[in-house]
Amino acid sequence: MNTQSTKPKTKIELNMSNLHAVSQLSAAHKGVMTCARMGLTVVNVSLGGQIPTLEVQPNYVTASLLKNGRAVVYMHVNNQADRLSSRAQIRLSGCRVVFAVERQIAVKH
């Protein structure tokens, strides 16, 4: 026999900001699970924008996404070591998924 009394659960009303936060957490969860199923490792989650941004570690899956045109490069930076560092993105499960793309560039001296 259970001797503990059970209290009715109090319903918590969320304001718009809290609803947005809960929505982003739910979308981020779905995005992380989708990434895991694809073989991607999420290294950072950002909830500051309209949709969550997941940063993943580049690997053969990200290379394939670029090669097949599913992901697009959106930024290029040339660093001092004569390497072109690019960032690519794809939308998965309501999240923006970003990753680095390292490329060698030929420099004429």
N, C-alpha and C. Protein backbone atom coordinates (compact mmCIF):
# COMPACT_ATOMS: atom_id res chain seq x y z
N MET A 1 0.83 -1.17 0.00
CA MET A 1 0.00 0.00 0.00
C MET A 1 0.88 1.24 0.00
N ASN A 2 0.53 2.21 -0.82
CA ASN A 2 1.29 3.44 -0.93
C ASN A 2 0.78 4.42 0.11
N THR A 3 1.68 4.82 1.02
CA THR A 3 1.28 5.74 2.09
C THR A 3 1.54 7.19 1.74
N GLN A 4 2.23 7.43 0.63
CA GLN A 4 2.50 8.82 0.25
C GLN A 4 1.27 9.42 -0.40
N SER A 5 0.97 10.64 0.00
CA SER A 5 -0.16 11.32 -0.63
C SER A 5 0.31 11.92 -1.95
N THR A 6 -0.54 11.86 -2.92
CA THR A 6 -0.20 12.43 -4.22
C THR A 6 -0.89 13.77 -4.38
N LYS A 7 -0.09 14.77 -4.70
CA LYS A 7 -0.63 16.11 -4.92
C LYS A 7 -0.95 16.26 -6.39
N PRO A 8 -2.01 16.94 -6.68
CA PRO A 8 -2.28 17.20 -8.11
C PRO A 8 -1.17 18.08 -8.69
N LYS A 9 -0.76 17.77 -9.92
CA LYS A 9 0.31 18.54 -10.56
C LYS A 9 -0.22 19.91 -10.94
N THR A 10 0.58 20.92 -10.65
CA THR A 10 0.22 22.29 -10.98
C THR A 10 0.62 22.57 -12.42
N LYS A 11 -0.30 23.09 -13.19
CA LYS A 11 -0.01 23.45 -14.58
C LYS A 11 0.80 24.73 -14.59
N ILE A 12 1.90 24.71 -15.33
CA ILE A 12 2.77 25.88 -15.42
C ILE A 12 2.48 26.60 -16.73
N GLU A 13 2.17 27.87 -16.62
CA GLU A 13 1.92 28.69 -17.80
C GLU A 13 3.25 29.28 -18.24
N LEU A 14 3.58 29.12 -19.53
CA LEU A 14 4.82 29.65 -20.07
C LEU A 14 4.55 30.91 -20.88
N ASN A 15 5.41 31.91 -20.68
CA ASN A 15 5.28 33.11 -21.51
C ASN A 15 5.90 32.83 -22.89
N MET A 16 5.80 33.76 -23.81
CA MET A 16 6.26 33.54 -25.19
C MET A 16 7.75 33.23 -25.26
N SER A 17 8.55 33.90 -24.45
CA SER A 17 9.99 33.67 -24.46
C SER A 17 10.32 32.25 -24.01
N ASN A 18 9.65 31.80 -22.96
CA ASN A 18 9.88 30.44 -22.47
C ASN A 18 9.37 29.40 -23.46
N LEU A 19 8.25 29.67 -24.11
CA LEU A 19 7.74 28.76 -25.14
C LEU A 19 8.74 28.64 -26.29
N HIS A 20 9.35 29.76 -26.68
CA HIS A 20 10.36 29.75 -27.75
C HIS A 20 11.56 28.90 -27.32
N ALA A 21 11.98 29.05 -26.06
CA ALA A 21 13.12 28.29 -25.56
C ALA A 21 12.81 26.79 -25.57
N VAL A 22 11.64 26.41 -25.12
CA VAL A 22 11.24 25.00 -25.11
C VAL A 22 11.16 24.46 -26.54
N SER A 23 10.63 25.26 -27.45
CA SER A 23 10.54 24.86 -28.85
C SER A 23 11.93 24.64 -29.44
N GLN A 24 12.87 25.54 -29.15
CA GLN A 24 14.24 25.39 -29.66
C GLN A 24 14.93 24.17 -29.05
N LEU A 25 14.71 23.91 -27.78
CA LEU A 25 15.30 22.73 -27.15
C LEU A 25 14.77 21.45 -27.80
N SER A 26 13.48 21.42 -28.09
CA SER A 26 12.89 20.25 -28.73
C SER A 26 13.45 20.06 -30.14
N ALA A 27 13.55 21.15 -30.90
CA ALA A 27 14.11 21.07 -32.26
C ALA A 27 15.57 20.66 -32.22
N ALA A 28 16.34 21.18 -31.26
CA ALA A 28 17.76 20.82 -31.13
C ALA A 28 17.89 19.33 -30.81
N HIS A 29 17.03 18.83 -29.95
CA HIS A 29 17.05 17.40 -29.61
C HIS A 29 16.82 16.55 -30.87
N LYS A 30 15.81 16.91 -31.65
CA LYS A 30 15.53 16.18 -32.89
C LYS A 30 16.71 16.27 -33.86
N GLY A 31 17.32 17.46 -33.95
CA GLY A 31 18.46 17.65 -34.84
C GLY A 31 19.67 16.82 -34.43
N VAL A 32 19.94 16.78 -33.14
CA VAL A 32 21.07 15.98 -32.64
C VAL A 32 20.84 14.50 -32.93
N MET A 33 19.62 14.04 -32.73
CA MET A 33 19.32 12.63 -33.00
C MET A 33 19.45 12.31 -34.49
N THR A 34 19.01 13.23 -35.36
CA THR A 34 19.16 13.03 -36.80
C THR A 34 20.64 12.98 -37.18
N CYS A 35 21.42 13.90 -36.62
CA CYS A 35 22.87 13.90 -36.89
C CYS A 35 23.50 12.59 -36.44
N ALA A 36 23.14 12.11 -35.28
CA ALA A 36 23.70 10.85 -34.76
C ALA A 36 23.36 9.69 -35.69
N ARG A 37 22.13 9.64 -36.18
CA ARG A 37 21.74 8.57 -37.11
C ARG A 37 22.53 8.63 -38.41
N MET A 38 22.93 9.84 -38.81
CA MET A 38 23.69 10.01 -40.05
C MET A 38 25.18 9.75 -39.88
N GLY A 39 25.63 9.64 -38.63
CA GLY A 39 27.06 9.45 -38.39
C GLY A 39 27.81 10.74 -38.13
N LEU A 40 27.09 11.79 -37.76
CA LEU A 40 27.70 13.09 -37.46
C LEU A 40 27.81 13.29 -35.96
N THR A 41 28.88 13.93 -35.53
CA THR A 41 29.10 14.23 -34.12
C THR A 41 28.87 15.71 -33.88
N VAL A 42 27.89 16.05 -33.05
CA VAL A 42 27.59 17.43 -32.72
C VAL A 42 28.58 17.91 -31.66
N VAL A 43 29.27 19.03 -31.95
CA VAL A 43 30.26 19.55 -31.01
C VAL A 43 29.80 20.85 -30.34
N ASN A 44 28.73 21.46 -30.87
CA ASN A 44 28.23 22.69 -30.26
C ASN A 44 26.77 22.90 -30.66
N VAL A 45 26.00 23.48 -29.74
CA VAL A 45 24.59 23.81 -29.99
C VAL A 45 24.39 25.26 -29.63
N SER A 46 23.78 26.02 -30.54
CA SER A 46 23.48 27.43 -30.29
C SER A 46 21.98 27.63 -30.46
N LEU A 47 21.36 28.24 -29.45
CA LEU A 47 19.91 28.44 -29.47
C LEU A 47 19.53 29.90 -29.62
N GLY A 48 20.43 30.75 -30.07
CA GLY A 48 20.18 32.18 -30.08
C GLY A 48 19.35 32.72 -31.23
N GLY A 49 19.23 32.01 -32.34
CA GLY A 49 18.53 32.55 -33.51
C GLY A 49 17.11 32.05 -33.63
N GLN A 50 16.59 32.16 -34.84
CA GLN A 50 15.23 31.69 -35.09
C GLN A 50 15.12 30.17 -34.97
N ILE A 51 16.17 29.47 -35.44
CA ILE A 51 16.21 28.01 -35.33
C ILE A 51 17.54 27.63 -34.70
N PRO A 52 17.61 26.48 -34.04
CA PRO A 52 18.87 26.06 -33.42
C PRO A 52 19.95 25.83 -34.47
N THR A 53 21.19 26.14 -34.10
CA THR A 53 22.33 25.87 -34.95
C THR A 53 23.18 24.81 -34.28
N LEU A 54 23.44 23.72 -35.02
CA LEU A 54 24.26 22.63 -34.52
C LEU A 54 25.56 22.64 -35.30
N GLU A 55 26.69 22.69 -34.61
CA GLU A 55 27.98 22.58 -35.27
C GLU A 55 28.43 21.13 -35.17
N VAL A 56 28.79 20.54 -36.31
CA VAL A 56 29.21 19.15 -36.33
C VAL A 56 30.67 19.05 -36.75
N GLN A 57 31.30 17.97 -36.32
CA GLN A 57 32.68 17.70 -36.67
C GLN A 57 32.73 17.23 -38.13
N PRO A 58 33.58 17.84 -38.95
CA PRO A 58 33.65 17.41 -40.35
C PRO A 58 34.15 15.96 -40.46
N ASN A 59 33.57 15.21 -41.38
CA ASN A 59 34.00 13.84 -41.64
C ASN A 59 33.57 13.44 -43.04
N TYR A 60 33.60 12.15 -43.33
CA TYR A 60 33.22 11.68 -44.67
C TYR A 60 31.76 11.97 -45.00
N VAL A 61 30.90 12.05 -43.99
CA VAL A 61 29.48 12.35 -44.22
C VAL A 61 29.33 13.79 -44.68
N THR A 62 30.02 14.72 -44.02
CA THR A 62 29.92 16.12 -44.42
C THR A 62 30.51 16.32 -45.82
N ALA A 63 31.59 15.61 -46.12
CA ALA A 63 32.17 15.69 -47.47
C ALA A 63 31.17 15.20 -48.51
N SER A 64 30.46 14.14 -48.20
CA SER A 64 29.45 13.60 -49.11
C SER A 64 28.29 14.58 -49.28
N LEU A 65 27.87 15.23 -48.20
CA LEU A 65 26.79 16.22 -48.29
C LEU A 65 27.17 17.35 -49.23
N LEU A 66 28.44 17.79 -49.17
CA LEU A 66 28.91 18.84 -50.07
C LEU A 66 28.98 18.35 -51.51
N LYS A 67 29.56 17.16 -51.68
CA LYS A 67 29.74 16.61 -53.03
C LYS A 67 28.40 16.40 -53.73
N ASN A 68 27.39 15.96 -52.99
CA ASN A 68 26.07 15.70 -53.57
C ASN A 68 25.20 16.95 -53.69
N GLY A 69 25.71 18.09 -53.22
CA GLY A 69 24.96 19.34 -53.32
C GLY A 69 23.89 19.53 -52.27
N ARG A 70 23.86 18.68 -51.25
CA ARG A 70 22.85 18.84 -50.18
C ARG A 70 23.24 19.94 -49.22
N ALA A 71 24.56 20.14 -49.03
CA ALA A 71 25.06 21.22 -48.18
C ALA A 71 25.69 22.27 -49.09
N VAL A 72 25.68 23.53 -48.63
CA VAL A 72 26.26 24.61 -49.42
C VAL A 72 27.28 25.38 -48.59
N VAL A 73 28.33 25.83 -49.26
CA VAL A 73 29.34 26.66 -48.61
C VAL A 73 28.79 28.08 -48.56
N TYR A 74 28.87 28.70 -47.39
CA TYR A 74 28.33 30.05 -47.24
C TYR A 74 29.37 31.08 -46.83
N MET A 75 30.61 30.64 -46.51
CA MET A 75 31.62 31.60 -46.07
C MET A 75 33.01 31.04 -46.40
N HIS A 76 33.91 31.93 -46.87
CA HIS A 76 35.30 31.58 -47.13
C HIS A 76 36.20 32.56 -46.38
N VAL A 77 37.28 32.04 -45.78
CA VAL A 77 38.27 32.88 -45.13
C VAL A 77 39.64 32.34 -45.50
N ASN A 78 40.53 33.22 -45.96
CA ASN A 78 41.90 32.82 -46.28
C ASN A 78 42.77 33.16 -45.09
N ASN A 79 43.34 32.13 -44.45
CA ASN A 79 44.16 32.41 -43.28
C ASN A 79 45.62 32.61 -43.69
N GLN A 80 46.48 32.91 -42.74
CA GLN A 80 47.87 33.23 -43.04
C GLN A 80 48.70 32.02 -43.41
N ALA A 81 48.21 30.83 -43.23
CA ALA A 81 48.94 29.61 -43.59
C ALA A 81 48.59 29.19 -45.02
N ASP A 82 48.07 30.13 -45.82
CA ASP A 82 47.68 29.85 -47.20
C ASP A 82 46.67 28.71 -47.30
N ARG A 83 45.76 28.67 -46.37
CA ARG A 83 44.68 27.68 -46.40
C ARG A 83 43.36 28.43 -46.51
N LEU A 84 42.51 27.92 -47.36
CA LEU A 84 41.18 28.48 -47.49
C LEU A 84 40.29 27.72 -46.52
N SER A 85 39.79 28.43 -45.54
CA SER A 85 38.89 27.83 -44.57
C SER A 85 37.47 28.25 -44.93
N SER A 86 36.62 27.29 -45.11
CA SER A 86 35.24 27.57 -45.50
C SER A 86 34.28 26.99 -44.46
N ARG A 87 33.08 27.51 -44.46
CA ARG A 87 32.00 27.00 -43.61
C ARG A 87 30.86 26.60 -44.53
N ALA A 88 30.27 25.45 -44.24
CA ALA A 88 29.14 24.96 -45.03
C ALA A 88 27.96 24.73 -44.10
N GLN A 89 26.78 24.65 -44.70
CA GLN A 89 25.56 24.45 -43.90
C GLN A 89 24.55 23.61 -44.65
N ILE A 90 23.68 23.00 -43.86
CA ILE A 90 22.55 22.23 -44.37
C ILE A 90 21.45 22.32 -43.32
N ARG A 91 20.22 22.21 -43.74
CA ARG A 91 19.10 22.21 -42.79
C ARG A 91 18.64 20.78 -42.59
N LEU A 92 18.62 20.35 -41.32
CA LEU A 92 18.19 19.01 -40.96
C LEU A 92 17.24 19.08 -39.77
N SER A 93 16.12 18.46 -39.86
CA SER A 93 15.15 18.35 -38.75
C SER A 93 14.89 19.69 -38.06
N GLY A 94 14.72 20.73 -38.84
CA GLY A 94 14.40 22.04 -38.27
C GLY A 94 15.57 22.75 -37.64
N CYS A 95 16.80 22.30 -37.92
CA CYS A 95 18.01 22.92 -37.38
C CYS A 95 18.94 23.30 -38.52
N ARG A 96 19.74 24.32 -38.27
CA ARG A 96 20.83 24.68 -39.19
C ARG A 96 22.05 23.91 -38.71
N VAL A 97 22.62 23.09 -39.57
CA VAL A 97 23.79 22.30 -39.23
C VAL A 97 24.97 22.87 -40.00
N VAL A 98 26.02 23.28 -39.29
CA VAL A 98 27.19 23.90 -39.91
C VAL A 98 28.43 23.07 -39.64
N PHE A 99 29.40 23.17 -40.55
CA PHE A 99 30.67 22.47 -40.37
C PHE A 99 31.76 23.17 -41.18
N ALA A 100 33.01 22.94 -40.76
CA ALA A 100 34.17 23.54 -41.42
C ALA A 100 34.57 22.69 -42.61
N VAL A 101 35.11 23.38 -43.62
CA VAL A 101 35.63 22.71 -44.81
C VAL A 101 37.03 23.27 -45.03
N GLU A 102 38.05 22.45 -44.89
CA GLU A 102 39.43 22.89 -45.09
C GLU A 102 39.87 22.55 -46.51
N ARG A 103 40.50 23.52 -47.18
CA ARG A 103 40.97 23.32 -48.55
C ARG A 103 42.34 23.93 -48.70
N GLN A 104 43.19 23.29 -49.48
CA GLN A 104 44.49 23.83 -49.85
C GLN A 104 44.28 24.76 -51.05
N ILE A 105 44.97 25.89 -51.06
CA ILE A 105 44.92 26.76 -52.23
C ILE A 105 46.33 26.96 -52.75
N ALA A 106 46.44 27.11 -54.02
CA ALA A 106 47.75 27.34 -54.63
C ALA A 106 48.07 28.83 -54.54
N VAL A 107 49.27 29.13 -54.07
CA VAL A 107 49.70 30.51 -53.94
C VAL A 107 50.93 30.70 -54.81
N LYS A 108 50.89 31.68 -55.71
CA LYS A 108 52.03 31.98 -56.58
C LYS A 108 52.91 33.00 -55.88
N HIS A 109 54.19 32.71 -55.79
CA HIS A 109 55.12 33.65 -55.16
C HIS A 109 56.01 34.27 -56.18
